[in-house]
N, C-alpha and C. Protein backbone atom coordinates (compact mmCIF):
# COMPACT_ATOMS: atom_id res chain seq x y z
N MET A 1 -0.70 34.75 -22.73
CA MET A 1 -1.06 33.54 -22.14
C MET A 1 -1.92 32.62 -23.19
N SER A 2 -1.74 31.36 -22.99
CA SER A 2 -2.34 30.43 -23.76
C SER A 2 -3.91 30.52 -23.67
N ARG A 3 -4.68 30.23 -24.53
CA ARG A 3 -6.15 30.16 -24.44
C ARG A 3 -6.53 29.28 -23.24
N ILE A 4 -7.46 29.78 -22.25
CA ILE A 4 -7.98 28.91 -21.20
C ILE A 4 -9.06 27.90 -21.80
N ARG A 5 -8.78 26.61 -21.54
CA ARG A 5 -9.67 25.61 -22.10
C ARG A 5 -10.35 24.79 -21.02
N LEU A 6 -9.93 24.98 -19.72
CA LEU A 6 -10.45 24.26 -18.55
C LEU A 6 -10.45 25.34 -17.39
N VAL A 7 -11.63 25.38 -16.79
CA VAL A 7 -11.72 26.11 -15.52
C VAL A 7 -12.34 25.30 -14.41
N ALA A 8 -11.57 25.39 -13.30
CA ALA A 8 -12.05 24.53 -12.12
C ALA A 8 -12.49 25.57 -11.02
N PHE A 9 -13.80 25.56 -10.56
CA PHE A 9 -14.33 26.37 -9.61
C PHE A 9 -14.56 25.65 -8.21
N ASP A 10 -14.15 26.30 -7.16
CA ASP A 10 -14.52 25.86 -5.88
C ASP A 10 -16.10 26.11 -5.75
N LEU A 11 -16.76 25.45 -4.68
CA LEU A 11 -18.23 25.56 -4.62
C LEU A 11 -18.49 26.69 -3.38
N ASP A 12 -18.29 26.20 -2.09
CA ASP A 12 -18.64 27.07 -1.05
C ASP A 12 -17.75 28.24 -1.12
N GLY A 13 -18.40 29.49 -1.14
CA GLY A 13 -17.53 30.68 -0.97
C GLY A 13 -17.27 31.23 -2.43
N THR A 14 -17.30 30.36 -3.43
CA THR A 14 -16.96 30.81 -4.78
C THR A 14 -18.27 30.75 -5.68
N LEU A 15 -18.71 29.53 -6.06
CA LEU A 15 -19.97 29.41 -6.85
C LEU A 15 -21.21 29.70 -5.93
N LEU A 16 -20.98 29.57 -4.57
CA LEU A 16 -22.00 29.80 -3.62
C LEU A 16 -21.53 30.79 -2.59
N ARG A 17 -22.41 31.66 -2.22
CA ARG A 17 -22.06 32.68 -1.32
C ARG A 17 -23.06 32.60 -0.11
N GLY A 18 -22.65 33.20 1.09
CA GLY A 18 -23.54 33.22 2.25
C GLY A 18 -23.34 31.82 2.98
N ASP A 19 -24.33 31.18 3.42
CA ASP A 19 -24.14 29.92 4.13
C ASP A 19 -23.55 28.89 3.31
N THR A 20 -22.61 28.14 3.96
CA THR A 20 -22.07 27.00 3.24
C THR A 20 -23.13 25.90 3.17
N VAL A 21 -22.85 24.93 2.20
CA VAL A 21 -23.73 23.70 2.18
C VAL A 21 -24.01 23.15 3.52
N CYS A 22 -22.99 22.90 4.27
CA CYS A 22 -23.09 22.17 5.51
C CYS A 22 -23.98 23.09 6.49
N GLU A 23 -23.90 24.44 6.40
CA GLU A 23 -24.66 25.28 7.34
C GLU A 23 -26.13 25.18 6.96
N VAL A 24 -26.34 25.25 5.53
CA VAL A 24 -27.64 25.08 5.02
C VAL A 24 -28.41 23.93 5.53
N ILE A 25 -27.79 22.74 5.45
CA ILE A 25 -28.41 21.51 5.98
C ILE A 25 -28.58 21.43 7.43
N ALA A 26 -27.46 21.89 8.16
CA ALA A 26 -27.52 22.08 9.68
C ALA A 26 -28.72 22.97 10.13
N ARG A 27 -28.97 24.04 9.39
CA ARG A 27 -29.96 24.99 9.73
C ARG A 27 -31.32 24.24 9.60
N ARG A 28 -31.56 23.52 8.62
CA ARG A 28 -32.78 22.65 8.47
C ARG A 28 -32.97 21.64 9.63
N LEU A 29 -31.82 21.19 10.09
CA LEU A 29 -31.99 20.20 11.16
C LEU A 29 -31.94 20.82 12.51
N GLY A 30 -31.83 22.03 12.68
CA GLY A 30 -31.94 22.74 13.91
C GLY A 30 -30.42 22.55 14.59
N LEU A 31 -29.40 22.41 13.77
CA LEU A 31 -28.09 22.34 14.21
C LEU A 31 -27.15 23.32 13.96
N LEU A 32 -27.56 24.44 13.33
CA LEU A 32 -26.82 25.37 12.84
C LEU A 32 -25.60 25.89 13.78
N GLU A 33 -26.06 26.13 15.10
CA GLU A 33 -25.11 26.57 16.11
C GLU A 33 -23.91 25.52 16.27
N ARG A 34 -24.35 24.26 16.35
CA ARG A 34 -23.24 23.28 16.47
C ARG A 34 -22.46 23.20 15.09
N MET A 35 -22.98 23.41 13.96
CA MET A 35 -22.19 23.36 12.78
C MET A 35 -21.21 24.51 12.80
N ARG A 36 -21.59 25.71 13.13
CA ARG A 36 -20.70 26.82 13.23
C ARG A 36 -19.60 26.72 14.23
N ALA A 37 -19.83 26.02 15.34
CA ALA A 37 -18.95 25.80 16.31
C ALA A 37 -17.82 24.84 15.74
N LEU A 38 -18.34 23.80 15.04
CA LEU A 38 -17.35 22.96 14.44
C LEU A 38 -16.38 23.67 13.39
N GLU A 39 -17.00 24.45 12.54
CA GLU A 39 -16.35 25.26 11.52
C GLU A 39 -15.24 26.17 12.15
N ALA A 40 -15.63 26.73 13.36
CA ALA A 40 -14.80 27.63 14.03
C ALA A 40 -13.49 26.99 14.73
N THR A 41 -13.65 25.63 15.01
CA THR A 41 -12.63 25.00 15.95
C THR A 41 -11.91 23.90 15.27
N VAL A 42 -12.48 23.25 14.34
CA VAL A 42 -11.78 22.15 13.66
C VAL A 42 -10.63 22.66 12.77
N LYS A 43 -9.44 22.03 12.87
CA LYS A 43 -8.29 22.54 12.20
C LYS A 43 -7.57 21.31 11.37
N THR A 44 -7.26 20.29 12.16
CA THR A 44 -6.47 19.19 11.58
C THR A 44 -7.32 18.16 10.75
N ARG A 45 -6.69 17.34 9.96
CA ARG A 45 -7.52 16.35 9.24
C ARG A 45 -8.22 15.48 10.09
N ASP A 46 -7.71 15.07 11.24
CA ASP A 46 -8.33 14.14 12.12
C ASP A 46 -9.60 14.80 12.65
N GLU A 47 -9.54 16.17 12.97
CA GLU A 47 -10.63 16.89 13.53
C GLU A 47 -11.73 17.08 12.44
N ILE A 48 -11.37 17.24 11.24
CA ILE A 48 -12.27 17.45 10.22
C ILE A 48 -12.95 16.16 9.79
N ALA A 49 -12.11 15.02 9.83
CA ALA A 49 -12.87 13.68 9.61
C ALA A 49 -13.88 13.36 10.69
N ARG A 50 -13.47 13.79 11.96
CA ARG A 50 -14.48 13.46 13.02
C ARG A 50 -15.69 14.36 12.81
N ALA A 51 -15.57 15.61 12.47
CA ALA A 51 -16.72 16.53 12.34
C ALA A 51 -17.62 15.94 11.14
N ARG A 52 -17.00 15.47 10.02
CA ARG A 52 -17.72 14.90 8.99
C ARG A 52 -18.57 13.67 9.49
N GLU A 53 -17.96 12.86 10.27
CA GLU A 53 -18.69 11.64 10.81
C GLU A 53 -19.80 12.02 11.63
N GLU A 54 -19.59 13.14 12.46
CA GLU A 54 -20.77 13.69 13.27
C GLU A 54 -21.73 14.02 12.46
N MET A 55 -21.47 14.81 11.32
CA MET A 55 -22.48 15.31 10.47
C MET A 55 -23.40 14.25 9.91
N VAL A 56 -22.55 13.01 9.51
CA VAL A 56 -23.34 11.98 8.85
C VAL A 56 -24.41 11.38 9.80
N GLY A 57 -24.10 11.45 11.17
CA GLY A 57 -25.04 11.00 12.14
C GLY A 57 -26.32 11.87 12.21
N TRP A 58 -26.10 13.12 11.82
CA TRP A 58 -27.29 14.15 11.91
C TRP A 58 -28.18 13.77 10.68
N TYR A 59 -27.73 13.19 9.58
CA TYR A 59 -28.54 13.09 8.42
C TYR A 59 -29.45 11.75 8.60
N GLY A 60 -29.17 10.88 9.36
CA GLY A 60 -29.96 9.90 9.72
C GLY A 60 -30.37 8.93 8.45
N ASP A 61 -31.52 8.78 8.19
CA ASP A 61 -32.00 7.94 7.10
C ASP A 61 -32.31 8.70 5.85
N ARG A 62 -31.99 9.98 5.87
CA ARG A 62 -32.21 10.75 4.57
C ARG A 62 -31.49 10.31 3.51
N ASN A 63 -32.12 10.10 2.22
CA ASN A 63 -31.40 9.72 1.13
C ASN A 63 -30.85 10.89 0.44
N VAL A 64 -30.09 10.45 -0.68
CA VAL A 64 -29.36 11.63 -1.46
C VAL A 64 -30.30 12.62 -2.01
N ALA A 65 -31.39 12.18 -2.44
CA ALA A 65 -32.34 13.22 -3.18
C ALA A 65 -32.85 14.14 -1.96
N GLU A 66 -33.09 13.68 -0.82
CA GLU A 66 -33.55 14.48 0.30
C GLU A 66 -32.45 15.48 0.68
N LEU A 67 -31.26 15.01 0.81
CA LEU A 67 -30.18 15.88 1.16
C LEU A 67 -29.88 16.88 0.02
N GLN A 68 -30.06 16.65 -1.15
CA GLN A 68 -29.85 17.51 -2.30
C GLN A 68 -30.87 18.58 -2.19
N GLU A 69 -32.23 18.19 -1.95
CA GLU A 69 -33.15 19.09 -1.91
C GLU A 69 -32.91 20.16 -0.80
N ILE A 70 -32.45 19.82 0.35
CA ILE A 70 -32.02 20.64 1.34
C ILE A 70 -30.92 21.54 0.91
N ALA A 71 -29.73 20.86 0.37
CA ALA A 71 -28.65 21.61 -0.17
C ALA A 71 -29.02 22.85 -1.08
N SER A 72 -30.05 22.62 -2.03
CA SER A 72 -30.39 23.47 -2.98
C SER A 72 -30.80 24.74 -2.63
N GLN A 73 -31.05 24.90 -1.20
CA GLN A 73 -31.34 26.32 -0.60
C GLN A 73 -30.15 27.18 -0.46
N ALA A 74 -28.99 26.54 -0.65
CA ALA A 74 -27.72 27.46 -0.70
C ALA A 74 -27.81 28.36 -1.84
N ARG A 75 -27.34 29.71 -1.67
CA ARG A 75 -27.44 30.72 -2.56
C ARG A 75 -26.23 30.77 -3.49
N LEU A 76 -26.51 30.88 -4.83
CA LEU A 76 -25.60 30.96 -5.96
C LEU A 76 -24.92 32.31 -5.88
N SER A 77 -23.72 32.54 -6.08
CA SER A 77 -23.02 33.72 -6.05
C SER A 77 -23.64 34.61 -7.28
N PRO A 78 -23.55 35.87 -7.14
CA PRO A 78 -23.98 36.79 -8.23
C PRO A 78 -23.21 36.43 -9.44
N GLY A 79 -23.94 36.22 -10.59
CA GLY A 79 -23.42 36.10 -11.89
C GLY A 79 -22.87 34.65 -12.10
N ALA A 80 -23.17 33.62 -11.16
CA ALA A 80 -22.57 32.30 -11.26
C ALA A 80 -23.24 31.62 -12.54
N GLN A 81 -24.66 31.71 -12.77
CA GLN A 81 -25.15 31.05 -13.82
C GLN A 81 -24.78 31.69 -15.15
N GLU A 82 -24.69 33.03 -15.25
CA GLU A 82 -24.24 33.59 -16.51
C GLU A 82 -22.67 33.35 -16.84
N ALA A 83 -21.98 33.32 -15.75
CA ALA A 83 -20.57 33.20 -15.94
C ALA A 83 -20.27 31.65 -16.54
N CYS A 84 -20.89 30.73 -16.03
CA CYS A 84 -20.65 29.22 -16.45
C CYS A 84 -21.37 29.19 -17.81
N ALA A 85 -22.42 29.77 -18.04
CA ALA A 85 -23.04 29.61 -19.52
C ALA A 85 -22.17 30.32 -20.45
N SER A 86 -21.41 31.49 -20.12
CA SER A 86 -20.67 32.13 -21.06
C SER A 86 -19.35 31.39 -21.33
N LEU A 87 -18.83 30.83 -20.27
CA LEU A 87 -17.58 30.01 -20.49
C LEU A 87 -17.92 28.64 -21.36
N ILE A 88 -19.03 28.10 -21.08
CA ILE A 88 -19.44 26.84 -21.99
C ILE A 88 -19.63 27.21 -23.32
N GLU A 89 -20.30 28.44 -23.49
CA GLU A 89 -20.48 28.98 -24.89
C GLU A 89 -19.33 29.11 -25.65
N ALA A 90 -18.26 29.67 -24.90
CA ALA A 90 -17.03 29.83 -25.53
C ALA A 90 -16.11 28.59 -25.77
N GLY A 91 -16.63 27.55 -25.37
CA GLY A 91 -16.01 26.24 -25.61
C GLY A 91 -15.04 25.84 -24.44
N VAL A 92 -15.20 26.53 -23.32
CA VAL A 92 -14.29 26.24 -22.12
C VAL A 92 -14.97 25.15 -21.30
N GLU A 93 -14.23 24.08 -20.93
CA GLU A 93 -14.69 23.07 -19.90
C GLU A 93 -14.83 23.60 -18.55
N ILE A 94 -15.79 23.18 -17.86
CA ILE A 94 -15.85 23.67 -16.46
C ILE A 94 -15.96 22.51 -15.64
N THR A 95 -15.32 22.54 -14.41
CA THR A 95 -15.38 21.45 -13.45
C THR A 95 -15.48 22.11 -12.08
N ILE A 96 -15.98 21.39 -11.18
CA ILE A 96 -16.12 21.89 -9.76
C ILE A 96 -15.30 20.92 -8.82
N ALA A 97 -14.40 21.48 -7.99
CA ALA A 97 -13.64 20.71 -7.11
C ALA A 97 -13.83 21.48 -5.65
N SER A 98 -14.53 20.48 -4.73
CA SER A 98 -15.00 21.07 -3.55
C SER A 98 -14.62 20.06 -2.33
N LEU A 99 -14.50 20.63 -1.29
CA LEU A 99 -14.29 19.85 0.01
C LEU A 99 -15.59 19.36 0.56
N THR A 100 -16.64 20.00 0.18
CA THR A 100 -17.92 19.68 0.73
C THR A 100 -18.54 18.34 0.09
N TRP A 101 -19.68 17.98 0.52
CA TRP A 101 -20.41 16.65 0.23
C TRP A 101 -20.53 16.60 -1.45
N ASP A 102 -20.28 15.46 -1.84
CA ASP A 102 -20.39 15.13 -3.30
C ASP A 102 -21.73 15.34 -3.80
N PHE A 103 -22.92 14.86 -2.94
CA PHE A 103 -24.17 15.01 -3.28
C PHE A 103 -24.57 16.48 -3.60
N ALA A 104 -24.08 17.49 -2.81
CA ALA A 104 -24.39 18.79 -2.98
C ALA A 104 -23.52 19.42 -4.36
N VAL A 105 -22.36 18.96 -4.31
CA VAL A 105 -21.59 19.37 -5.56
C VAL A 105 -22.34 18.90 -6.86
N GLU A 106 -22.90 17.69 -6.78
CA GLU A 106 -23.47 17.25 -7.95
C GLU A 106 -24.70 17.96 -8.31
N ARG A 107 -25.44 18.42 -7.22
CA ARG A 107 -26.63 19.13 -7.46
C ARG A 107 -26.55 20.46 -8.13
N PHE A 108 -25.39 21.11 -7.69
CA PHE A 108 -25.12 22.50 -8.31
C PHE A 108 -24.38 22.27 -9.69
N ALA A 109 -23.63 21.27 -9.81
CA ALA A 109 -23.06 21.03 -11.09
C ALA A 109 -24.04 20.77 -12.14
N ARG A 110 -25.14 20.09 -11.87
CA ARG A 110 -26.11 19.68 -12.93
C ARG A 110 -27.01 21.13 -13.08
N GLU A 111 -27.17 21.82 -12.13
CA GLU A 111 -27.77 23.21 -12.26
C GLU A 111 -27.05 24.10 -13.30
N LEU A 112 -25.82 24.10 -13.06
CA LEU A 112 -24.92 25.01 -13.87
C LEU A 112 -24.48 24.31 -15.18
N ARG A 113 -24.83 23.12 -15.57
CA ARG A 113 -24.45 22.34 -16.64
C ARG A 113 -22.81 22.06 -16.59
N VAL A 114 -22.47 21.67 -15.50
CA VAL A 114 -20.97 21.41 -15.36
C VAL A 114 -20.92 19.85 -15.56
N GLY A 115 -19.95 19.40 -16.29
CA GLY A 115 -19.84 18.11 -16.57
C GLY A 115 -19.16 17.22 -15.67
N SER A 116 -18.22 17.69 -14.80
CA SER A 116 -17.53 16.86 -13.91
C SER A 116 -17.35 17.55 -12.57
N TRP A 117 -17.15 16.83 -11.61
CA TRP A 117 -16.92 17.47 -10.12
C TRP A 117 -16.29 16.46 -9.27
N LEU A 118 -15.87 17.14 -8.11
CA LEU A 118 -15.28 16.31 -6.98
C LEU A 118 -15.70 16.77 -5.70
N GLY A 119 -16.17 15.98 -4.84
CA GLY A 119 -16.56 16.29 -3.50
C GLY A 119 -16.43 15.11 -2.73
N THR A 120 -16.49 15.35 -1.32
CA THR A 120 -16.42 14.41 -0.28
C THR A 120 -17.57 13.44 -0.41
N LEU A 121 -17.34 12.19 -0.69
CA LEU A 121 -18.35 11.21 -0.96
C LEU A 121 -18.86 10.46 0.20
N LEU A 122 -20.21 10.60 0.50
CA LEU A 122 -21.02 9.79 1.55
C LEU A 122 -21.46 8.62 0.86
N ARG A 123 -20.92 7.49 1.12
CA ARG A 123 -21.43 6.22 0.72
C ARG A 123 -22.67 5.76 1.29
N ALA A 124 -23.48 4.92 0.66
CA ALA A 124 -24.72 4.41 1.20
C ALA A 124 -24.59 3.74 2.63
N ASP A 125 -23.41 3.05 2.75
CA ASP A 125 -23.16 2.54 4.04
C ASP A 125 -22.69 3.35 5.10
N GLY A 126 -22.72 4.73 4.81
CA GLY A 126 -22.10 5.69 5.77
C GLY A 126 -20.62 5.85 5.79
N ASP A 127 -19.96 5.20 4.96
CA ASP A 127 -18.40 5.38 4.92
C ASP A 127 -18.28 6.65 4.06
N ILE A 128 -17.08 7.37 4.43
CA ILE A 128 -16.73 8.63 3.83
C ILE A 128 -15.59 8.48 3.01
N ARG A 129 -15.51 8.98 1.75
CA ARG A 129 -14.27 9.14 0.91
C ARG A 129 -13.94 10.54 0.91
N HIS A 130 -13.01 10.99 1.85
CA HIS A 130 -12.68 12.37 2.16
C HIS A 130 -11.93 13.05 1.04
N VAL A 131 -12.33 14.33 0.77
CA VAL A 131 -11.47 15.23 0.01
C VAL A 131 -10.80 16.27 0.72
N TRP A 132 -9.54 16.54 0.51
CA TRP A 132 -8.77 17.48 1.16
C TRP A 132 -8.26 18.48 0.18
N ALA A 133 -7.81 19.62 0.73
CA ALA A 133 -7.28 20.59 -0.24
C ALA A 133 -6.30 20.15 -1.28
N GLU A 134 -5.47 19.17 -0.79
CA GLU A 134 -4.41 18.58 -1.78
C GLU A 134 -5.17 17.71 -2.74
N SER A 135 -6.37 17.01 -2.38
CA SER A 135 -7.06 16.27 -3.32
C SER A 135 -7.57 16.96 -4.40
N LYS A 136 -7.92 18.12 -4.21
CA LYS A 136 -8.63 18.89 -5.33
C LYS A 136 -7.54 19.20 -6.35
N ALA A 137 -6.39 19.69 -6.03
CA ALA A 137 -5.35 19.90 -6.97
C ALA A 137 -4.85 18.62 -7.75
N GLU A 138 -4.63 17.41 -6.91
CA GLU A 138 -4.12 16.19 -7.59
C GLU A 138 -5.24 15.86 -8.62
N TRP A 139 -6.58 15.85 -8.30
CA TRP A 139 -7.65 15.44 -9.18
C TRP A 139 -7.73 16.39 -10.40
N LEU A 140 -7.32 17.72 -10.21
CA LEU A 140 -7.38 18.55 -11.35
C LEU A 140 -6.18 18.37 -12.28
N VAL A 141 -4.97 17.91 -11.73
CA VAL A 141 -3.82 17.63 -12.44
C VAL A 141 -4.15 16.38 -13.32
N GLU A 142 -4.77 15.42 -12.63
CA GLU A 142 -4.98 14.23 -13.44
C GLU A 142 -5.94 14.48 -14.59
N LYS A 143 -6.95 15.48 -14.27
CA LYS A 143 -7.85 15.77 -15.53
C LYS A 143 -6.98 16.50 -16.65
N MET A 144 -6.11 17.37 -16.19
CA MET A 144 -5.27 18.09 -17.11
C MET A 144 -4.44 17.13 -17.99
N GLU A 145 -3.88 16.14 -17.36
CA GLU A 145 -3.04 15.28 -18.01
C GLU A 145 -3.87 14.33 -18.98
N ALA A 146 -4.98 14.02 -18.41
CA ALA A 146 -5.86 13.00 -19.35
C ALA A 146 -6.29 13.80 -20.56
N ALA A 147 -6.54 15.00 -20.54
CA ALA A 147 -6.96 15.86 -21.65
C ALA A 147 -5.82 16.52 -22.42
N ASP A 148 -4.52 16.31 -21.92
CA ASP A 148 -3.39 16.91 -22.53
C ASP A 148 -3.50 18.37 -22.47
N ARG A 149 -3.77 18.88 -21.22
CA ARG A 149 -3.90 20.37 -21.09
C ARG A 149 -2.60 20.72 -20.32
N SER A 150 -1.96 21.80 -20.74
CA SER A 150 -0.83 22.36 -19.88
C SER A 150 -1.41 23.22 -18.82
N PRO A 151 -0.72 23.60 -17.66
CA PRO A 151 -1.22 24.59 -16.71
C PRO A 151 -1.68 25.88 -17.38
N ALA A 152 -0.90 26.35 -18.44
CA ALA A 152 -1.18 27.61 -19.01
C ALA A 152 -2.59 27.61 -19.63
N GLU A 153 -3.11 26.50 -19.90
CA GLU A 153 -4.56 26.35 -20.54
C GLU A 153 -5.68 26.20 -19.50
N VAL A 154 -5.24 26.37 -18.22
CA VAL A 154 -6.28 25.99 -17.13
C VAL A 154 -6.24 27.23 -16.17
N ALA A 155 -7.48 27.53 -15.67
CA ALA A 155 -7.65 28.49 -14.68
C ALA A 155 -8.42 27.86 -13.59
N ALA A 156 -8.31 28.43 -12.40
CA ALA A 156 -9.07 27.95 -11.09
C ALA A 156 -9.45 29.25 -10.43
N VAL A 157 -10.60 29.09 -9.81
CA VAL A 157 -11.27 30.07 -9.06
C VAL A 157 -11.73 29.51 -7.64
N GLY A 158 -11.10 30.31 -6.46
CA GLY A 158 -11.28 29.78 -5.21
C GLY A 158 -11.46 30.89 -4.26
N ASP A 159 -11.72 30.73 -2.95
CA ASP A 159 -11.82 31.85 -2.05
C ASP A 159 -11.13 31.68 -0.65
N SER A 160 -10.51 30.46 -0.42
CA SER A 160 -10.09 30.16 0.87
C SER A 160 -8.79 29.42 0.86
N ALA A 161 -8.24 29.11 2.06
CA ALA A 161 -7.02 28.32 2.25
C ALA A 161 -7.17 26.91 1.57
N GLY A 162 -8.29 26.46 1.54
CA GLY A 162 -8.63 24.99 1.01
C GLY A 162 -8.32 25.09 -0.42
N ASP A 163 -8.25 26.30 -1.17
CA ASP A 163 -8.14 26.33 -2.57
C ASP A 163 -6.79 26.60 -3.08
N VAL A 164 -5.86 26.83 -1.95
CA VAL A 164 -4.44 27.32 -2.29
C VAL A 164 -3.76 26.23 -3.30
N PRO A 165 -3.63 25.06 -2.84
CA PRO A 165 -3.03 24.02 -3.82
C PRO A 165 -3.74 23.99 -5.30
N LEU A 166 -5.00 24.07 -5.27
CA LEU A 166 -5.61 24.11 -6.56
C LEU A 166 -5.25 25.32 -7.44
N LEU A 167 -5.09 26.51 -6.73
CA LEU A 167 -4.73 27.74 -7.50
C LEU A 167 -3.26 27.77 -7.94
N ASN A 168 -2.44 26.98 -7.16
CA ASN A 168 -1.08 26.91 -7.49
C ASN A 168 -0.84 25.89 -8.62
N ALA A 169 -1.81 25.08 -8.99
CA ALA A 169 -1.68 24.07 -9.91
C ALA A 169 -1.86 24.66 -11.50
N VAL A 170 -2.33 25.88 -11.50
CA VAL A 170 -2.83 26.33 -12.83
C VAL A 170 -2.21 27.59 -13.20
N GLY A 171 -2.36 27.95 -14.46
CA GLY A 171 -1.74 29.12 -15.06
C GLY A 171 -2.38 30.43 -14.75
N LEU A 172 -3.75 30.32 -14.61
CA LEU A 172 -4.60 31.50 -14.22
C LEU A 172 -5.42 31.28 -12.97
N PRO A 173 -4.78 31.50 -11.76
CA PRO A 173 -5.47 31.45 -10.60
C PRO A 173 -6.23 32.76 -10.14
N VAL A 174 -7.46 32.59 -9.90
CA VAL A 174 -8.40 33.85 -9.46
C VAL A 174 -8.75 33.54 -8.11
N PHE A 175 -8.54 34.49 -7.16
CA PHE A 175 -8.94 34.33 -5.88
C PHE A 175 -10.13 35.42 -5.57
N VAL A 176 -11.17 34.93 -5.05
CA VAL A 176 -12.37 35.76 -4.91
C VAL A 176 -12.65 36.01 -3.33
N GLY A 177 -11.72 35.50 -2.37
CA GLY A 177 -11.97 35.73 -1.02
C GLY A 177 -11.84 37.16 -0.70
N LYS A 178 -12.38 37.47 0.42
CA LYS A 178 -12.34 39.05 0.71
C LYS A 178 -10.97 39.62 0.86
N GLU A 179 -10.09 38.81 1.56
CA GLU A 179 -8.70 39.31 1.76
C GLU A 179 -7.74 38.25 1.29
N ALA A 180 -6.60 38.64 0.83
CA ALA A 180 -5.57 37.80 0.22
C ALA A 180 -5.13 36.94 1.49
N ILE A 181 -4.58 35.68 1.11
CA ILE A 181 -4.19 34.85 2.29
C ILE A 181 -2.80 34.25 1.88
N ALA A 182 -2.14 33.68 2.92
CA ALA A 182 -0.81 33.08 2.64
C ALA A 182 -0.85 31.92 1.72
N GLY A 183 0.09 31.75 0.83
CA GLY A 183 0.25 30.59 -0.05
C GLY A 183 -0.22 30.90 -1.50
N LEU A 184 -0.96 31.97 -1.76
CA LEU A 184 -1.41 32.25 -2.97
C LEU A 184 -0.18 32.62 -3.95
N PRO A 185 -0.28 31.97 -5.27
CA PRO A 185 0.91 32.25 -6.24
C PRO A 185 0.86 33.72 -6.54
N GLU A 186 2.00 34.26 -6.80
CA GLU A 186 2.21 35.68 -7.07
C GLU A 186 1.33 36.06 -8.41
N ARG A 187 1.19 35.13 -9.17
CA ARG A 187 0.36 35.36 -10.48
C ARG A 187 -1.02 35.39 -10.21
N ALA A 188 -1.65 35.23 -9.04
CA ALA A 188 -2.99 35.05 -8.75
C ALA A 188 -3.64 36.39 -8.92
N ARG A 189 -4.82 36.37 -9.67
CA ARG A 189 -5.67 37.62 -9.63
C ARG A 189 -6.50 37.68 -8.45
N HIS A 190 -6.45 38.72 -7.77
CA HIS A 190 -7.35 38.81 -6.49
C HIS A 190 -8.61 39.79 -6.86
N MET A 191 -9.78 39.27 -6.84
CA MET A 191 -10.90 40.02 -7.23
C MET A 191 -11.96 39.72 -5.98
N PRO A 192 -11.86 40.38 -4.91
CA PRO A 192 -12.55 40.14 -3.73
C PRO A 192 -14.16 40.10 -3.87
N GLU A 193 -14.77 39.09 -3.61
CA GLU A 193 -16.10 38.77 -3.69
C GLU A 193 -16.79 39.32 -4.95
N ALA A 194 -16.12 38.97 -6.01
CA ALA A 194 -16.35 39.43 -7.33
C ALA A 194 -17.71 38.77 -7.97
N ASP A 195 -18.42 39.61 -8.65
CA ASP A 195 -19.52 38.99 -9.45
C ASP A 195 -18.73 38.08 -10.42
N LEU A 196 -19.25 36.87 -10.62
CA LEU A 196 -18.60 35.86 -11.27
C LEU A 196 -18.58 36.13 -12.80
N ARG A 197 -19.50 36.90 -13.26
CA ARG A 197 -19.42 37.37 -14.65
C ARG A 197 -18.12 38.13 -14.99
N ASP A 198 -17.77 38.97 -13.94
CA ASP A 198 -16.40 39.54 -14.10
C ASP A 198 -15.27 38.60 -14.20
N VAL A 199 -15.29 37.61 -13.40
CA VAL A 199 -14.35 36.54 -13.47
C VAL A 199 -14.38 35.84 -14.77
N ALA A 200 -15.55 35.51 -15.22
CA ALA A 200 -15.57 34.87 -16.63
C ALA A 200 -14.95 35.85 -17.73
N GLU A 201 -15.39 37.11 -17.67
CA GLU A 201 -14.87 38.04 -18.58
C GLU A 201 -13.36 38.10 -18.48
N LEU A 202 -12.83 38.01 -17.36
CA LEU A 202 -11.22 38.13 -17.32
C LEU A 202 -10.69 36.92 -18.01
N ILE A 203 -11.30 35.65 -17.66
CA ILE A 203 -10.75 34.49 -18.29
C ILE A 203 -10.92 34.54 -19.72
N LEU A 204 -12.03 35.01 -20.27
CA LEU A 204 -12.06 35.01 -21.67
C LEU A 204 -11.20 36.13 -22.32
N ASP A 205 -11.06 37.18 -21.69
CA ASP A 205 -10.17 38.13 -22.09
C ASP A 205 -8.74 37.75 -22.22
N GLU A 206 -8.38 37.03 -21.12
CA GLU A 206 -6.86 36.55 -21.00
C GLU A 206 -6.81 35.35 -22.15
N SER A 207 -7.78 34.81 -22.58
CA SER A 207 -7.79 33.72 -23.62
C SER A 207 -7.65 34.42 -25.04
N GLY A 208 -7.73 35.70 -25.14
CA GLY A 208 -7.81 36.35 -26.39
C GLY A 208 -9.14 36.32 -27.11
N LEU A 209 -10.26 35.93 -26.33
CA LEU A 209 -11.56 35.92 -26.84
C LEU A 209 -12.34 37.28 -26.41
N HIS A 210 -13.25 37.59 -27.14
CA HIS A 210 -14.18 38.66 -26.98
C HIS A 210 -15.26 38.40 -25.98
N ALA A 211 -15.15 38.75 -24.75
CA ALA A 211 -16.13 38.42 -23.78
C ALA A 211 -17.50 38.90 -24.19
N ASP A 212 -17.68 40.05 -24.82
CA ASP A 212 -18.86 40.49 -25.12
C ASP A 212 -19.74 39.50 -26.08
N CYS A 213 -19.03 38.70 -26.88
CA CYS A 213 -19.67 37.79 -27.72
C CYS A 213 -20.43 36.63 -27.01
N TYR A 214 -20.00 36.40 -25.73
CA TYR A 214 -20.59 35.31 -25.02
C TYR A 214 -21.50 35.60 -23.92
N PHE A 215 -21.74 36.98 -23.73
CA PHE A 215 -22.69 37.38 -22.63
C PHE A 215 -23.90 37.89 -23.23
N VAL A 216 -25.06 37.53 -22.54
CA VAL A 216 -26.35 38.09 -22.95
C VAL A 216 -26.93 38.97 -21.94
N GLY A 217 -27.38 40.27 -22.22
CA GLY A 217 -28.02 41.05 -21.18
C GLY A 217 -26.93 41.64 -20.11
N ARG A 218 -25.75 41.75 -20.65
CA ARG A 218 -24.74 42.56 -19.78
C ARG A 218 -24.25 43.72 -20.15
């Protein structure tokens, strides 16, 4: 395999574990039960769009900084910080492509020193620029083309059906969901609920790099 030069991570369920960003915010607002009901029932794009519009109504006059402060209570996955640091140290570019709110993706991207990200954008006027599963793949392909990267030089890490198009777009797809799902490429590496340090080591090893050179305290 060619050396991996770009890795795209999903956020909820991949770089974060436990409550999703939307659940963390809903919990603070006393609306966790409603949030989980939405997550359990919405399926179509129209339903998801209406759910997002409902959530915007919950946020009221809270500004981006306030929403980011609440979202910061979401829990990073085991090894997330070390994994990102090791990949960056090895010269690998990292990006985050997520369906959740852009303000939350930005918050964690900055914590993890990730230079670019994609998320559903909530504009100041309340308008929403939606991100869908296919949007994530299209955005990554545009980044690959702009940087003259072939799929063989790109990895992606995800945990759900919303990541399938993203995983199919790259040479090294890694799936960290608990159980394999339909649509995953045959070449996907399944690492259920893996410590992300192990995922980073896999990426570095597949790139012909010595992972031990880039990890501290492991």
